[in-house]
Each structure stands twice: as C-alpha cells, then as structure tokens.
N, C-alpha and C. Protein backbone atom coordinates (compact mmCIF):
# COMPACT_ATOMS: atom_id res chain seq x y z
N MET A 1 -95.63 -118.29 -151.74
CA MET A 1 -94.56 -119.23 -152.01
C MET A 1 -93.23 -118.71 -151.47
N ARG A 2 -92.98 -117.44 -151.70
CA ARG A 2 -91.74 -116.85 -151.25
C ARG A 2 -91.59 -116.93 -149.74
N ARG A 3 -92.67 -116.70 -149.01
CA ARG A 3 -92.64 -116.75 -147.55
C ARG A 3 -92.27 -118.15 -147.05
N ALA A 4 -92.80 -119.18 -147.69
CA ALA A 4 -92.49 -120.55 -147.30
C ALA A 4 -91.01 -120.84 -147.48
N LEU A 5 -90.40 -120.29 -148.51
CA LEU A 5 -88.98 -120.51 -148.75
C LEU A 5 -88.14 -119.85 -147.65
N ARG A 6 -88.57 -118.71 -147.13
CA ARG A 6 -87.84 -118.05 -146.06
C ARG A 6 -87.93 -118.84 -144.75
N LEU A 7 -89.05 -119.50 -144.53
CA LEU A 7 -89.23 -120.25 -143.30
C LEU A 7 -88.48 -121.58 -143.32
N THR A 8 -88.27 -122.11 -144.47
CA THR A 8 -87.64 -123.42 -144.56
C THR A 8 -86.26 -123.46 -143.89
N PRO A 9 -85.35 -122.51 -144.14
CA PRO A 9 -84.06 -122.56 -143.44
C PRO A 9 -84.22 -122.44 -141.92
N ALA A 10 -85.18 -121.61 -141.46
CA ALA A 10 -85.40 -121.49 -140.02
C ALA A 10 -85.92 -122.80 -139.44
N ALA A 11 -86.84 -123.43 -140.14
CA ALA A 11 -87.36 -124.71 -139.67
C ALA A 11 -86.25 -125.76 -139.66
N TYR A 12 -85.41 -125.75 -140.66
CA TYR A 12 -84.29 -126.69 -140.73
C TYR A 12 -83.34 -126.47 -139.56
N ALA A 13 -83.04 -125.21 -139.25
CA ALA A 13 -82.15 -124.90 -138.12
C ALA A 13 -82.77 -125.35 -136.80
N LEU A 14 -84.07 -125.16 -136.64
CA LEU A 14 -84.76 -125.60 -135.44
C LEU A 14 -84.66 -127.12 -135.31
N PHE A 15 -84.88 -127.82 -136.41
CA PHE A 15 -84.80 -129.28 -136.41
C PHE A 15 -83.41 -129.74 -136.00
N LEU A 16 -82.38 -129.13 -136.55
CA LEU A 16 -81.00 -129.49 -136.18
C LEU A 16 -80.74 -129.20 -134.71
N GLY A 17 -81.25 -128.09 -134.20
CA GLY A 17 -81.08 -127.75 -132.79
C GLY A 17 -81.76 -128.75 -131.88
N LEU A 18 -82.96 -129.19 -132.25
CA LEU A 18 -83.65 -130.19 -131.44
C LEU A 18 -82.90 -131.51 -131.43
N ASN A 19 -82.37 -131.91 -132.56
CA ASN A 19 -81.61 -133.15 -132.62
C ASN A 19 -80.34 -133.06 -131.78
N ALA A 20 -79.69 -131.91 -131.79
CA ALA A 20 -78.48 -131.74 -130.98
C ALA A 20 -78.84 -131.81 -129.50
N ALA A 21 -79.96 -131.21 -129.11
CA ALA A 21 -80.37 -131.25 -127.71
C ALA A 21 -80.72 -132.66 -127.29
N ALA A 22 -81.31 -133.44 -128.18
CA ALA A 22 -81.67 -134.82 -127.86
C ALA A 22 -80.42 -135.67 -127.63
N ALA A 23 -79.32 -135.32 -128.25
CA ALA A 23 -78.09 -136.09 -128.07
C ALA A 23 -77.54 -135.92 -126.66
N ASP A 24 -77.85 -134.80 -126.01
CA ASP A 24 -77.38 -134.54 -124.65
C ASP A 24 -78.40 -135.05 -123.64
N THR A 25 -78.71 -136.33 -123.67
CA THR A 25 -79.69 -136.92 -122.78
C THR A 25 -79.14 -136.96 -121.37
N PRO A 26 -79.90 -136.43 -120.38
CA PRO A 26 -79.41 -136.48 -119.01
C PRO A 26 -79.28 -137.90 -118.49
N LYS A 27 -78.44 -138.07 -117.49
CA LYS A 27 -78.17 -139.39 -116.92
C LYS A 27 -79.43 -140.05 -116.38
N ASP A 28 -80.37 -139.26 -115.85
CA ASP A 28 -81.59 -139.80 -115.25
C ASP A 28 -82.75 -139.88 -116.23
N ALA A 29 -82.50 -139.73 -117.53
CA ALA A 29 -83.58 -139.81 -118.51
C ALA A 29 -84.10 -141.24 -118.57
N PRO A 30 -85.37 -141.43 -118.96
CA PRO A 30 -85.91 -142.78 -119.06
C PRO A 30 -85.12 -143.63 -120.05
N ALA A 31 -85.02 -144.89 -119.75
CA ALA A 31 -84.33 -145.81 -120.65
C ALA A 31 -85.13 -145.96 -121.93
N LYS A 32 -84.42 -146.04 -123.05
CA LYS A 32 -85.10 -146.22 -124.32
C LYS A 32 -85.64 -147.63 -124.43
N ASP A 33 -84.91 -148.59 -123.91
CA ASP A 33 -85.33 -149.98 -123.95
C ASP A 33 -85.92 -150.34 -122.60
N VAL A 34 -87.24 -150.33 -122.54
CA VAL A 34 -87.93 -150.65 -121.29
C VAL A 34 -87.83 -152.15 -121.07
N PRO A 35 -87.42 -152.58 -119.86
CA PRO A 35 -87.38 -154.03 -119.60
C PRO A 35 -88.78 -154.62 -119.79
N LYS A 36 -88.84 -155.81 -120.38
CA LYS A 36 -90.13 -156.45 -120.60
C LYS A 36 -90.91 -156.59 -119.30
N SER A 37 -90.21 -156.84 -118.21
CA SER A 37 -90.89 -157.00 -116.92
C SER A 37 -91.58 -155.70 -116.51
N LEU A 38 -90.94 -154.55 -116.69
CA LEU A 38 -91.54 -153.29 -116.30
C LEU A 38 -92.73 -152.95 -117.19
N ALA A 39 -92.72 -153.41 -118.42
CA ALA A 39 -93.85 -153.15 -119.31
C ALA A 39 -95.14 -153.70 -118.71
N SER A 40 -95.06 -154.74 -117.88
CA SER A 40 -96.26 -155.28 -117.24
C SER A 40 -96.84 -154.31 -116.21
N ALA A 41 -96.06 -153.33 -115.78
CA ALA A 41 -96.53 -152.36 -114.80
C ALA A 41 -97.38 -151.26 -115.44
N PHE A 42 -97.17 -150.99 -116.72
CA PHE A 42 -97.91 -149.91 -117.38
C PHE A 42 -99.39 -150.24 -117.43
N GLY A 43 -100.21 -149.33 -116.94
CA GLY A 43 -101.65 -149.55 -116.89
C GLY A 43 -102.08 -150.37 -115.70
N ASN A 44 -101.14 -150.77 -114.87
CA ASN A 44 -101.41 -151.57 -113.68
C ASN A 44 -100.80 -150.88 -112.46
N THR A 45 -100.90 -151.54 -111.32
CA THR A 45 -100.38 -151.00 -110.07
C THR A 45 -99.26 -151.89 -109.55
N VAL A 46 -98.17 -151.29 -109.12
CA VAL A 46 -97.11 -152.04 -108.43
C VAL A 46 -97.32 -151.75 -106.94
N LYS A 47 -97.54 -152.80 -106.19
CA LYS A 47 -97.86 -152.67 -104.77
C LYS A 47 -96.67 -153.14 -103.94
N ALA A 48 -96.24 -152.31 -102.99
CA ALA A 48 -95.17 -152.66 -102.06
C ALA A 48 -95.82 -152.89 -100.71
N THR A 49 -95.81 -154.15 -100.24
CA THR A 49 -96.45 -154.50 -98.98
C THR A 49 -95.39 -154.71 -97.91
N TYR A 50 -95.62 -154.07 -96.75
CA TYR A 50 -94.70 -154.15 -95.62
C TYR A 50 -95.14 -155.28 -94.68
N PRO A 51 -94.24 -155.78 -93.83
CA PRO A 51 -94.58 -156.88 -92.91
C PRO A 51 -95.79 -156.59 -92.02
N ASP A 52 -96.06 -155.31 -91.71
CA ASP A 52 -97.20 -154.97 -90.86
C ASP A 52 -98.52 -154.92 -91.64
N GLY A 53 -98.48 -155.23 -92.94
CA GLY A 53 -99.69 -155.26 -93.76
C GLY A 53 -99.98 -153.96 -94.49
N ARG A 54 -99.33 -152.86 -94.07
CA ARG A 54 -99.54 -151.61 -94.80
C ARG A 54 -98.83 -151.70 -96.14
N PHE A 55 -99.28 -150.87 -97.08
CA PHE A 55 -98.69 -150.93 -98.42
C PHE A 55 -98.68 -149.56 -99.06
N GLN A 56 -97.87 -149.44 -100.09
CA GLN A 56 -97.88 -148.26 -100.94
C GLN A 56 -98.07 -148.73 -102.37
N ARG A 57 -98.59 -147.84 -103.20
CA ARG A 57 -98.89 -148.19 -104.59
C ARG A 57 -98.14 -147.25 -105.53
N TYR A 58 -97.63 -147.83 -106.61
CA TYR A 58 -96.89 -147.09 -107.63
C TYR A 58 -97.57 -147.28 -108.98
N TRP A 59 -97.56 -146.21 -109.78
CA TRP A 59 -98.06 -146.28 -111.15
C TRP A 59 -96.98 -145.74 -112.06
N PHE A 60 -96.52 -146.58 -112.99
CA PHE A 60 -95.45 -146.25 -113.91
C PHE A 60 -96.01 -145.88 -115.28
N GLN A 61 -95.36 -144.91 -115.92
CA GLN A 61 -95.73 -144.51 -117.27
C GLN A 61 -94.56 -144.80 -118.21
N PRO A 62 -94.83 -145.14 -119.47
CA PRO A 62 -93.74 -145.43 -120.42
C PRO A 62 -92.82 -144.23 -120.68
N ASP A 63 -93.28 -143.00 -120.38
CA ASP A 63 -92.45 -141.81 -120.62
C ASP A 63 -91.37 -141.62 -119.55
N GLY A 64 -91.31 -142.52 -118.57
CA GLY A 64 -90.28 -142.42 -117.53
C GLY A 64 -90.77 -141.76 -116.26
N SER A 65 -92.05 -141.46 -116.16
CA SER A 65 -92.57 -140.85 -114.94
C SER A 65 -93.27 -141.91 -114.08
N TRP A 66 -93.39 -141.61 -112.81
CA TRP A 66 -94.14 -142.45 -111.89
C TRP A 66 -94.82 -141.57 -110.85
N ARG A 67 -95.87 -142.11 -110.26
CA ARG A 67 -96.49 -141.46 -109.12
C ARG A 67 -96.86 -142.55 -108.13
N ALA A 68 -97.06 -142.15 -106.87
CA ALA A 68 -97.30 -143.15 -105.83
C ALA A 68 -98.17 -142.56 -104.72
N ILE A 69 -98.81 -143.47 -104.00
CA ILE A 69 -99.50 -143.15 -102.75
C ILE A 69 -98.81 -144.00 -101.69
N GLY A 70 -98.20 -143.34 -100.72
CA GLY A 70 -97.45 -144.04 -99.68
C GLY A 70 -98.35 -144.73 -98.67
N ARG A 71 -97.76 -145.49 -97.78
CA ARG A 71 -98.54 -146.24 -96.79
C ARG A 71 -99.22 -145.34 -95.77
N ARG A 72 -98.83 -144.09 -95.71
CA ARG A 72 -99.52 -143.13 -94.83
C ARG A 72 -100.51 -142.27 -95.60
N GLY A 73 -100.68 -142.56 -96.90
CA GLY A 73 -101.66 -141.84 -97.72
C GLY A 73 -101.13 -140.61 -98.43
N HIS A 74 -99.83 -140.33 -98.33
CA HIS A 74 -99.25 -139.16 -98.97
C HIS A 74 -98.82 -139.51 -100.40
N SER A 75 -99.02 -138.57 -101.32
CA SER A 75 -98.64 -138.83 -102.71
C SER A 75 -97.23 -138.31 -102.99
N SER A 76 -96.60 -138.93 -103.95
CA SER A 76 -95.27 -138.52 -104.42
C SER A 76 -95.18 -138.86 -105.89
N SER A 77 -94.18 -138.31 -106.54
CA SER A 77 -93.97 -138.59 -107.96
C SER A 77 -92.53 -138.31 -108.33
N GLY A 78 -92.15 -138.77 -109.50
CA GLY A 78 -90.79 -138.56 -109.96
C GLY A 78 -90.56 -139.25 -111.29
N HIS A 79 -89.32 -139.67 -111.50
CA HIS A 79 -88.93 -140.32 -112.75
C HIS A 79 -88.22 -141.64 -112.46
N TRP A 80 -88.40 -142.59 -113.36
CA TRP A 80 -87.73 -143.88 -113.23
C TRP A 80 -86.74 -144.05 -114.37
N THR A 81 -85.73 -144.85 -114.10
CA THR A 81 -84.78 -145.28 -115.14
C THR A 81 -84.63 -146.79 -115.00
N ALA A 82 -84.26 -147.42 -116.08
CA ALA A 82 -84.06 -148.86 -116.07
C ALA A 82 -82.65 -149.19 -116.56
N HIS A 83 -82.03 -150.12 -115.87
CA HIS A 83 -80.68 -150.57 -116.21
C HIS A 83 -80.70 -152.09 -116.09
N GLY A 84 -80.84 -152.78 -117.20
CA GLY A 84 -80.97 -154.24 -117.15
C GLY A 84 -82.27 -154.61 -116.47
N ASP A 85 -82.19 -155.48 -115.46
CA ASP A 85 -83.39 -155.89 -114.71
C ASP A 85 -83.63 -155.00 -113.49
N GLU A 86 -82.90 -153.91 -113.38
CA GLU A 86 -83.05 -153.04 -112.23
C GLU A 86 -83.79 -151.76 -112.63
N VAL A 87 -84.72 -151.34 -111.76
CA VAL A 87 -85.46 -150.11 -111.97
C VAL A 87 -85.11 -149.17 -110.81
N CYS A 88 -84.81 -147.91 -111.15
CA CYS A 88 -84.46 -146.92 -110.13
C CYS A 88 -85.47 -145.78 -110.16
N LEU A 89 -85.88 -145.35 -108.98
CA LEU A 89 -86.83 -144.25 -108.84
C LEU A 89 -86.14 -143.06 -108.21
N LYS A 90 -86.42 -141.89 -108.74
CA LYS A 90 -85.92 -140.65 -108.16
C LYS A 90 -87.12 -139.73 -107.97
N GLN A 91 -87.35 -139.34 -106.73
CA GLN A 91 -88.51 -138.52 -106.39
C GLN A 91 -88.27 -137.06 -106.72
N SER A 92 -89.30 -136.42 -107.31
CA SER A 92 -89.23 -134.98 -107.57
C SER A 92 -90.29 -134.20 -106.79
N LYS A 93 -91.39 -134.86 -106.41
CA LYS A 93 -92.45 -134.22 -105.63
C LYS A 93 -92.88 -135.16 -104.52
N PRO A 94 -93.24 -134.69 -103.35
CA PRO A 94 -93.41 -133.30 -102.97
C PRO A 94 -92.09 -132.58 -102.72
N ILE A 95 -91.04 -133.32 -102.40
CA ILE A 95 -89.71 -132.74 -102.17
C ILE A 95 -88.71 -133.49 -103.04
N PRO A 96 -87.96 -132.79 -103.89
CA PRO A 96 -86.95 -133.48 -104.69
C PRO A 96 -85.93 -134.19 -103.80
N SER A 97 -85.61 -135.41 -104.15
CA SER A 97 -84.65 -136.18 -103.37
C SER A 97 -83.36 -136.36 -104.16
N PRO A 98 -82.21 -136.17 -103.51
CA PRO A 98 -80.94 -136.39 -104.20
C PRO A 98 -80.62 -137.87 -104.34
N MET A 99 -81.37 -138.73 -103.63
CA MET A 99 -81.10 -140.17 -103.65
C MET A 99 -82.05 -140.89 -104.60
N LYS A 100 -81.60 -142.06 -105.04
CA LYS A 100 -82.41 -142.94 -105.87
C LYS A 100 -82.72 -144.21 -105.08
N TYR A 101 -83.86 -144.79 -105.37
CA TYR A 101 -84.22 -146.10 -104.83
C TYR A 101 -84.20 -147.07 -106.01
N CYS A 102 -83.38 -148.10 -105.92
CA CYS A 102 -83.28 -149.08 -106.99
C CYS A 102 -83.66 -150.45 -106.48
N THR A 103 -84.35 -151.21 -107.33
CA THR A 103 -84.73 -152.57 -106.99
C THR A 103 -84.80 -153.41 -108.25
N THR A 104 -84.70 -154.69 -108.07
CA THR A 104 -84.82 -155.60 -109.20
C THR A 104 -86.29 -155.76 -109.58
N PHE A 105 -86.55 -155.76 -110.85
CA PHE A 105 -87.88 -156.04 -111.39
C PHE A 105 -87.68 -157.27 -112.27
N PRO A 106 -87.97 -158.46 -111.72
CA PRO A 106 -87.61 -159.69 -112.43
C PRO A 106 -88.27 -159.84 -113.80
N ALA A 107 -87.57 -160.52 -114.68
CA ALA A 107 -88.08 -160.74 -116.03
C ALA A 107 -89.41 -161.50 -116.02
N SER A 108 -89.66 -162.26 -114.97
CA SER A 108 -90.90 -163.04 -114.87
C SER A 108 -92.07 -162.23 -114.33
N ALA A 109 -91.86 -160.95 -113.99
CA ALA A 109 -92.93 -160.13 -113.40
C ALA A 109 -94.09 -159.96 -114.39
N ARG A 110 -95.26 -160.33 -113.95
CA ARG A 110 -96.50 -160.21 -114.71
C ARG A 110 -97.61 -159.83 -113.73
N VAL A 111 -98.78 -159.50 -114.24
CA VAL A 111 -99.92 -159.25 -113.36
C VAL A 111 -100.15 -160.50 -112.52
N GLY A 112 -100.23 -160.31 -111.21
CA GLY A 112 -100.44 -161.43 -110.29
C GLY A 112 -99.17 -161.98 -109.66
N SER A 113 -98.01 -161.60 -110.17
CA SER A 113 -96.77 -162.12 -109.59
C SER A 113 -96.28 -161.21 -108.46
N SER A 114 -95.49 -161.79 -107.56
CA SER A 114 -94.90 -161.03 -106.46
C SER A 114 -93.50 -161.58 -106.18
N TRP A 115 -92.67 -160.77 -105.53
CA TRP A 115 -91.30 -161.15 -105.22
C TRP A 115 -90.80 -160.35 -104.03
N PRO A 116 -89.85 -160.89 -103.29
CA PRO A 116 -89.29 -160.17 -102.14
C PRO A 116 -88.36 -159.05 -102.61
N ALA A 117 -88.34 -157.97 -101.85
CA ALA A 117 -87.47 -156.83 -102.16
C ALA A 117 -87.15 -156.10 -100.85
N LYS A 118 -86.42 -155.03 -100.96
CA LYS A 118 -86.06 -154.18 -99.81
C LYS A 118 -86.57 -152.78 -100.08
N ASP A 119 -87.03 -152.10 -99.03
CA ASP A 119 -87.42 -150.71 -99.19
C ASP A 119 -86.17 -149.83 -99.16
N MET A 120 -86.36 -148.53 -99.26
CA MET A 120 -85.22 -147.62 -99.33
C MET A 120 -84.33 -147.70 -98.09
N GLY A 121 -84.91 -148.04 -96.94
CA GLY A 121 -84.14 -148.16 -95.70
C GLY A 121 -83.57 -149.55 -95.48
N GLY A 122 -83.80 -150.47 -96.40
CA GLY A 122 -83.27 -151.83 -96.27
C GLY A 122 -84.24 -152.81 -95.63
N GLY A 123 -85.46 -152.35 -95.28
CA GLY A 123 -86.45 -153.23 -94.68
C GLY A 123 -87.11 -154.14 -95.71
N ALA A 124 -87.57 -155.28 -95.26
CA ALA A 124 -88.20 -156.26 -96.15
C ALA A 124 -89.57 -155.78 -96.61
N ILE A 125 -89.83 -155.92 -97.91
CA ILE A 125 -91.14 -155.66 -98.50
C ILE A 125 -91.41 -156.75 -99.53
N THR A 126 -92.64 -156.83 -99.96
CA THR A 126 -93.00 -157.71 -101.07
C THR A 126 -93.58 -156.84 -102.17
N LEU A 127 -93.02 -156.93 -103.36
CA LEU A 127 -93.54 -156.19 -104.50
C LEU A 127 -94.44 -157.11 -105.31
N SER A 128 -95.52 -156.55 -105.83
CA SER A 128 -96.43 -157.33 -106.68
C SER A 128 -97.03 -156.43 -107.75
N VAL A 129 -97.44 -157.04 -108.85
CA VAL A 129 -98.12 -156.32 -109.91
C VAL A 129 -99.60 -156.68 -109.83
N VAL A 130 -100.44 -155.64 -109.64
CA VAL A 130 -101.87 -155.82 -109.47
C VAL A 130 -102.56 -155.27 -110.71
N LYS A 131 -103.53 -156.00 -111.24
CA LYS A 131 -104.23 -155.59 -112.45
C LYS A 131 -104.98 -154.29 -112.24
N GLY A 132 -104.82 -153.36 -113.18
CA GLY A 132 -105.53 -152.09 -113.16
C GLY A 132 -104.87 -151.08 -112.25
N LYS A 133 -105.46 -149.91 -112.23
CA LYS A 133 -104.96 -148.82 -111.38
C LYS A 133 -105.82 -148.77 -110.14
N VAL A 134 -105.37 -149.47 -109.12
CA VAL A 134 -106.14 -149.56 -107.86
C VAL A 134 -105.46 -148.78 -106.75
C-alpha cells in the first residue's frame, strides 16, 4: 500500500506533463475535426488519374497519416491536415518535403464520386474515391 502512495504523485506529474505537451500541438498535426468528405476515404482508395491514363493511389488513415503509390510505382508517405473542405499532404518518406500539396475534398465526396483537381505542378487530374484498398 505504501509503495502505491509513493507512485501516485509521480503518475500525477506524468499525467500533467502529457497534458501540457498535448497543448503544444504542431501546426501540421492532424485536424481534430475530420471533414465528412475525407471520412469516406478511410478504408478506401483515393485515385488521382492523369490525362494520359496513368494514376496514383492514396490511402488515408484517421490518425493523420497517408501512404501512396505513385504513377511510376514508387511509394511515399506522410501526414495530412484538414482545413475546412481542403486537405493538405506533406510528404515525409522517401524524402521529406518542405512543401505541402493542398486540394479541395468536396463535401459530396463518397465512394464512386470523382471531381477535377490539380496536381502539385498545376496539371489537371481527376480525383476519385474507389471502394476498398486497391
């Protein structure tokens, strides 16, 4: 019993320290309020199709992470943030990127829907939500 009493203040201090650290959320941390449209991406594939027919696939996780297979077959991953109807991706692997790619994820986005967008270089692409992880 005595030992448990000695640990209680230490556990309390640890709890307070964790709460203080949580208050210092980095700017690129995942949004707490996930847009309803992006929720349709979880467990599914977001496909970016280029005019030449090639495509890349993205898989989003609710914890703010994403991974992708590019149109040349190379994998990448990073973290996403959401601001209103806009979703921004920041790559951390294979090479961390100082830039973000942001695009609109419309409120009407569901499995089977698609919409026009721009790639990171400003080229035209079509984004779509495909059922499952394909």
